[in-house]
Amino acid sequence: MKENSTPEAKWAQEVTESALLLDFIVLERWNDVIKKNKKEEEEEEKEEKEEKKEKEKKKKKKEEEEEEEEEEKEEKEEKKEKEKKKKKKKKKKKKKKKKKKKKKKKKKGNMHPDVDYHLRVFCASSVHDHLPL
């Protein structure tokens, strides 16, 4: 405004200028507060994301460890089953060997009846011929 104005006009001008300055200062501070809040929110979001990632990693590790433990248990069970099968096979082999031996002995005595009779007669006659009297 003009310099030659009345004192009331000067006062009104000063009041409006100071009000405008106050408004500007308040707006600046609000902007600062809003920016600060946004930064804090962004940081919180980042922290939450990192925590989620860490939790997911932990879950994955736990799952992997559980899977490994299950696999180890399965492998141990398979080994036990294989050992049991081997033991059963060994027992069966022993039984078969015993049976085979018995079968071999039986095969010697299981000749045709006529051949068996003739062999016995021949052996008996040859023994009688060579016995000293």
Protein backbone atom coordinates (compact mmCIF):
# COMPACT_ATOMS: atom_id res chain seq x y z
CA MET A 1 0.00 0.00 0.00
CA LYS A 2 0.88 3.60 -0.03
CA GLU A 3 3.13 5.18 2.57
CA ASN A 4 0.88 8.20 3.04
CA SER A 5 -1.99 6.10 4.26
CA THR A 6 -3.62 6.35 7.63
CA PRO A 7 -2.24 4.63 10.71
CA GLU A 8 -5.16 2.20 10.75
CA ALA A 9 -4.38 1.18 7.22
CA LYS A 10 -0.72 0.65 8.18
CA TRP A 11 -1.79 -1.39 11.15
CA ALA A 12 -4.17 -3.47 9.02
CA GLN A 13 -1.41 -4.02 6.49
CA GLU A 14 1.03 -5.15 9.19
CA VAL A 15 -1.58 -7.49 10.67
CA THR A 16 -2.32 -9.05 7.30
CA GLU A 17 1.39 -9.41 6.53
CA SER A 18 2.04 -11.03 9.90
CA ALA A 19 -1.00 -13.28 9.41
CA LEU A 20 0.29 -14.26 6.01
CA LEU A 21 3.72 -14.93 7.50
CA LEU A 22 2.15 -17.04 10.24
CA ASP A 23 0.10 -18.94 7.67
CA PHE A 24 3.22 -19.52 5.62
CA ILE A 25 5.16 -20.72 8.69
CA VAL A 26 2.31 -22.99 9.75
CA LEU A 27 2.04 -24.41 6.25
CA GLU A 28 5.79 -25.00 6.13
CA ARG A 29 5.69 -26.81 9.45
CA TRP A 30 2.69 -28.88 8.35
CA ASN A 31 4.57 -29.80 5.21
CA ASP A 32 7.55 -30.81 7.34
CA VAL A 33 5.31 -32.87 9.61
CA ILE A 34 3.62 -34.53 6.63
CA LYS A 35 6.99 -35.34 5.05
CA LYS A 36 8.25 -36.71 8.35
CA ASN A 37 5.14 -38.87 8.73
CA LYS A 38 5.52 -40.16 5.19
CA LYS A 39 9.15 -41.06 5.83
CA GLU A 40 8.22 -42.81 9.06
CA GLU A 41 5.44 -44.74 7.31
CA GLU A 42 7.80 -45.74 4.52
CA GLU A 43 10.41 -46.87 7.04
CA GLU A 44 7.77 -48.86 8.94
CA GLU A 45 6.61 -50.46 5.69
CA LYS A 46 10.19 -51.34 4.82
CA GLU A 47 10.73 -52.83 8.27
CA GLU A 48 7.49 -54.81 7.98
CA LYS A 49 8.53 -56.10 4.57
CA GLU A 50 11.94 -57.09 5.92
CA GLU A 51 10.31 -58.83 8.89
CA LYS A 52 7.97 -60.67 6.54
CA LYS A 53 10.91 -61.73 4.40
CA GLU A 54 12.79 -62.93 7.46
CA LYS A 55 9.73 -64.85 8.67
CA GLU A 56 9.33 -66.42 5.23
CA LYS A 57 13.01 -67.37 5.20
CA LYS A 58 12.67 -68.92 8.65
CA LYS A 59 9.57 -70.81 7.53
CA LYS A 60 11.38 -72.05 4.44
CA LYS A 61 14.36 -73.13 6.52
CA LYS A 62 12.08 -74.95 8.94
CA GLU A 63 10.26 -76.64 6.07
CA GLU A 64 13.55 -77.64 4.47
CA GLU A 65 14.84 -78.99 7.77
CA GLU A 66 11.61 -80.93 8.29
CA GLU A 67 11.84 -82.32 4.76
CA GLU A 68 15.46 -83.33 5.35
CA GLU A 69 14.51 -85.00 8.63
CA GLU A 70 11.68 -86.85 6.89
CA GLU A 71 14.03 -87.94 4.12
CA GLU A 72 16.57 -89.14 6.67
CA LYS A 73 13.86 -91.08 8.50
CA GLU A 74 12.70 -92.61 5.24
CA GLU A 75 16.27 -93.55 4.34
CA LYS A 76 16.78 -95.13 7.76
CA GLU A 77 13.53 -97.06 7.39
CA GLU A 78 14.55 -98.21 3.92
CA LYS A 79 17.94 -99.33 5.25
CA LYS A 80 16.24 -101.22 8.06
CA GLU A 81 13.89 -102.87 5.58
CA LYS A 82 16.81 -103.79 3.34
CA GLU A 83 18.69 -105.25 6.30
CA LYS A 84 15.62 -107.24 7.30
CA LYS A 85 15.28 -108.51 3.75
CA LYS A 86 18.96 -109.45 3.69
CA LYS A 87 18.59 -111.30 6.98
CA LYS A 88 15.53 -113.10 5.65
CA LYS A 89 17.41 -113.99 2.47
CA LYS A 90 20.34 -115.29 4.50
CA LYS A 91 18.00 -117.40 6.60
CA LYS A 92 16.31 -118.68 3.47
CA LYS A 93 19.69 -119.45 1.92
CA LYS A 94 20.74 -121.35 5.03
CA LYS A 95 17.50 -123.30 4.95
CA LYS A 96 17.93 -123.94 1.24
CA LYS A 97 21.50 -125.13 1.80
CA LYS A 98 20.32 -127.50 4.49
CA LYS A 99 17.52 -128.68 2.27
CA LYS A 100 19.89 -129.04 -0.67
CA LYS A 101 22.23 -131.17 1.38
CA LYS A 102 19.38 -133.35 2.45
CA LYS A 103 18.16 -133.55 -1.11
CA LYS A 104 21.59 -134.62 -2.28
CA LYS A 105 21.65 -137.38 0.27
CA LYS A 106 18.22 -138.45 -0.77
CA LYS A 107 19.21 -138.44 -4.41
CA LYS A 108 21.90 -141.02 -3.73
CA GLY A 109 19.38 -143.36 -2.22
CA ASN A 110 16.61 -142.61 -4.63
CA MET A 111 17.67 -144.75 -7.53
CA HIS A 112 15.40 -146.85 -9.58
CA PRO A 113 14.29 -149.84 -7.49
CA ASP A 114 15.74 -152.41 -9.90
CA VAL A 115 19.14 -150.67 -10.05
CA ASP A 116 19.19 -150.28 -6.28
CA TYR A 117 18.40 -153.97 -5.77
CA HIS A 118 21.05 -155.11 -8.22
CA LEU A 119 23.69 -152.90 -6.61
CA ARG A 120 22.90 -154.28 -3.18
CA VAL A 121 23.05 -157.85 -4.43
CA PHE A 122 26.32 -157.20 -6.25
CA CYS A 123 27.90 -155.51 -3.22
CA ALA A 124 26.76 -158.28 -0.91
CA SER A 125 28.07 -161.02 -3.18
CA SER A 126 31.44 -159.32 -3.68
CA VAL A 127 31.81 -158.83 0.08
CA HIS A 128 31.04 -162.52 0.70
CA ASP A 129 33.57 -163.54 -1.89
CA HIS A 130 36.40 -161.59 -0.24
CA LEU A 131 35.70 -162.39 3.39
CA PRO A 132 38.30 -164.60 5.00
CA LEU A 133 36.96 -167.76 6.62
